Amino acid sequence: MKSKPGILISGLHGFNRGMAQYTHLIRASDDPKPRPRAERKGHQMSWLKDMNPNTLGQWTRAIYGLLADGVPRTFNRIVLELTGNLHTADVAFKKAPDQALWNLVARRKISHTLEAPILFGRSK
């Protein structure tokens, strides 16, 4: 079943705190799949460099730019698309991509749905 976008709302609504902080990691059935493990093997250590706190600005611009096409996406799909299907949301959790996502939400630049899988899109 394909994920259907719900109503996108602005601002933080508790998804980045407590047990709810894991909700945005839920994948949609139509999310792309990561590359096979054998293809990712040479890139396993590069995620440390690509997702460190110094890359927060790059991730912020990349996420905001990706969502310019108007297609709501899960965080998992965002990370997969921006890493060439090398990494999933669980790898990016609490790292620069995750921080960039929630900074954009807090600044009301992007909105999200309230039901899992949580979809993110540019605010109107």
Protein backbone atom coordinates (compact mmCIF):
# COMPACT_ATOMS: atom_id res chain seq x y z
CA MET A 1 0.00 0.00 0.00
CA LYS A 2 1.38 3.41 -0.94
CA SER A 3 1.66 6.03 1.77
CA LYS A 4 -0.87 8.82 1.40
CA PRO A 5 -0.03 12.28 2.59
CA GLY A 6 -2.22 13.50 5.41
CA ILE A 7 -2.63 17.10 6.40
CA LEU A 8 0.75 18.75 6.84
CA ILE A 9 0.98 20.91 9.96
CA SER A 10 3.67 23.36 11.06
CA GLY A 11 5.77 23.47 14.20
CA LEU A 12 6.97 20.96 16.74
CA HIS A 13 4.31 18.64 18.09
CA GLY A 14 6.27 16.41 20.43
CA PHE A 15 7.70 14.01 17.85
CA ASN A 16 11.23 14.97 18.81
CA ARG A 17 10.88 14.14 22.53
CA GLY A 18 10.45 11.07 24.71
CA MET A 19 9.34 7.81 23.13
CA ALA A 20 7.70 9.74 20.29
CA GLN A 21 11.14 10.73 19.00
CA TYR A 22 11.33 7.36 17.25
CA THR A 23 8.02 7.78 15.38
CA HIS A 24 9.56 9.71 12.49
CA LEU A 25 11.90 6.76 11.81
CA ILE A 26 8.98 4.58 10.69
CA ARG A 27 9.34 3.70 7.03
CA ALA A 28 6.53 3.88 4.48
CA SER A 29 5.84 0.88 2.28
CA ASP A 30 6.78 2.86 -0.83
CA ASP A 31 10.09 4.18 0.54
CA PRO A 32 13.06 3.29 -1.66
CA LYS A 33 15.18 0.38 -0.51
CA PRO A 34 18.83 0.80 0.46
CA ARG A 35 21.48 -0.64 -1.83
CA PRO A 36 22.44 -4.24 -1.10
CA ARG A 37 24.91 -4.60 1.75
CA ALA A 38 27.74 -5.64 -0.60
CA GLU A 39 27.41 -2.36 -2.53
CA ARG A 40 27.39 -0.32 0.68
CA LYS A 41 30.42 -2.01 2.22
CA GLY A 42 32.98 0.52 0.99
CA HIS A 43 30.85 3.41 2.22
CA GLN A 44 30.16 2.20 5.77
CA MET A 45 32.66 4.48 7.48
CA SER A 46 31.93 7.53 5.32
CA TRP A 47 28.63 8.15 7.13
CA LEU A 48 30.57 9.34 10.17
CA LYS A 49 32.07 12.14 8.07
CA ASP A 50 28.85 12.85 6.15
CA MET A 51 26.63 13.06 9.22
CA ASN A 52 28.82 14.83 11.77
CA PRO A 53 27.66 18.08 13.41
CA ASN A 54 29.83 20.17 11.06
CA THR A 55 27.55 19.21 8.18
CA LEU A 56 24.35 20.55 9.78
CA GLY A 57 24.10 23.49 7.37
CA GLN A 58 24.67 21.23 4.36
CA TRP A 59 21.96 18.84 5.52
CA THR A 60 19.55 21.71 6.21
CA ARG A 61 19.97 23.06 2.67
CA ALA A 62 19.83 19.58 1.14
CA ILE A 63 16.62 18.57 2.93
CA TYR A 64 14.91 21.87 2.19
CA GLY A 65 16.00 21.67 -1.46
CA LEU A 66 14.83 18.08 -1.84
CA LEU A 67 11.37 18.99 -0.61
CA ALA A 68 11.07 21.80 -3.19
CA ASP A 69 9.36 19.39 -5.60
CA GLY A 70 6.29 19.32 -3.35
CA VAL A 71 6.40 15.56 -2.73
CA PRO A 72 5.94 14.71 0.99
CA ARG A 73 8.50 12.17 2.17
CA THR A 74 9.33 10.13 5.25
CA PHE A 75 12.60 10.93 6.98
CA ASN A 76 13.80 7.53 5.83
CA ARG A 77 13.13 8.40 2.18
CA ILE A 78 14.79 11.81 2.62
CA VAL A 79 17.97 10.21 3.98
CA LEU A 80 17.99 7.47 1.33
CA GLU A 81 17.55 9.94 -1.53
CA LEU A 82 20.21 12.31 -0.22
CA THR A 83 22.77 9.55 0.36
CA GLY A 84 22.26 7.71 -2.92
CA ASN A 85 20.40 4.88 -1.18
CA LEU A 86 23.36 4.18 1.09
CA HIS A 87 21.83 5.02 4.46
CA THR A 88 18.46 4.83 6.18
CA ALA A 89 16.86 6.99 8.86
CA ASP A 90 18.04 4.79 11.72
CA VAL A 91 21.67 5.55 10.78
CA ALA A 92 20.92 9.29 10.67
CA PHE A 93 18.99 9.38 13.96
CA LYS A 94 20.34 12.01 16.38
CA LYS A 95 22.98 13.05 13.85
CA ALA A 96 23.19 16.10 11.57
CA PRO A 97 20.37 15.01 9.19
CA ASP A 98 17.97 14.48 12.11
CA GLN A 99 18.98 17.78 13.71
CA ALA A 100 18.55 19.59 10.37
CA LEU A 101 15.08 18.09 9.92
CA TRP A 102 13.86 19.22 13.34
CA ASN A 103 15.48 22.65 12.97
CA LEU A 104 13.52 23.14 9.75
CA VAL A 105 10.33 22.00 11.51
CA ALA A 106 10.96 24.32 14.47
CA ARG A 107 11.52 27.23 12.06
CA ARG A 108 8.27 26.27 10.28
CA LYS A 109 10.11 25.84 6.96
CA ILE A 110 8.79 22.30 6.66
CA SER A 111 5.60 20.73 7.97
CA HIS A 112 4.69 17.14 8.85
CA THR A 113 1.74 14.81 9.20
CA LEU A 114 0.55 13.59 12.59
CA GLU A 115 0.15 9.90 11.77
CA ALA A 116 2.87 7.36 11.13
CA PRO A 117 4.54 7.06 8.80
CA ILE A 118 5.28 10.76 9.37
CA LEU A 119 5.62 12.63 6.09
CA PHE A 120 7.52 15.90 5.74
CA GLY A 121 6.98 18.60 3.14
CA ARG A 122 7.68 22.27 2.62
CA SER A 123 5.40 24.62 4.51
CA LYS A 124 3.09 26.76 2.43
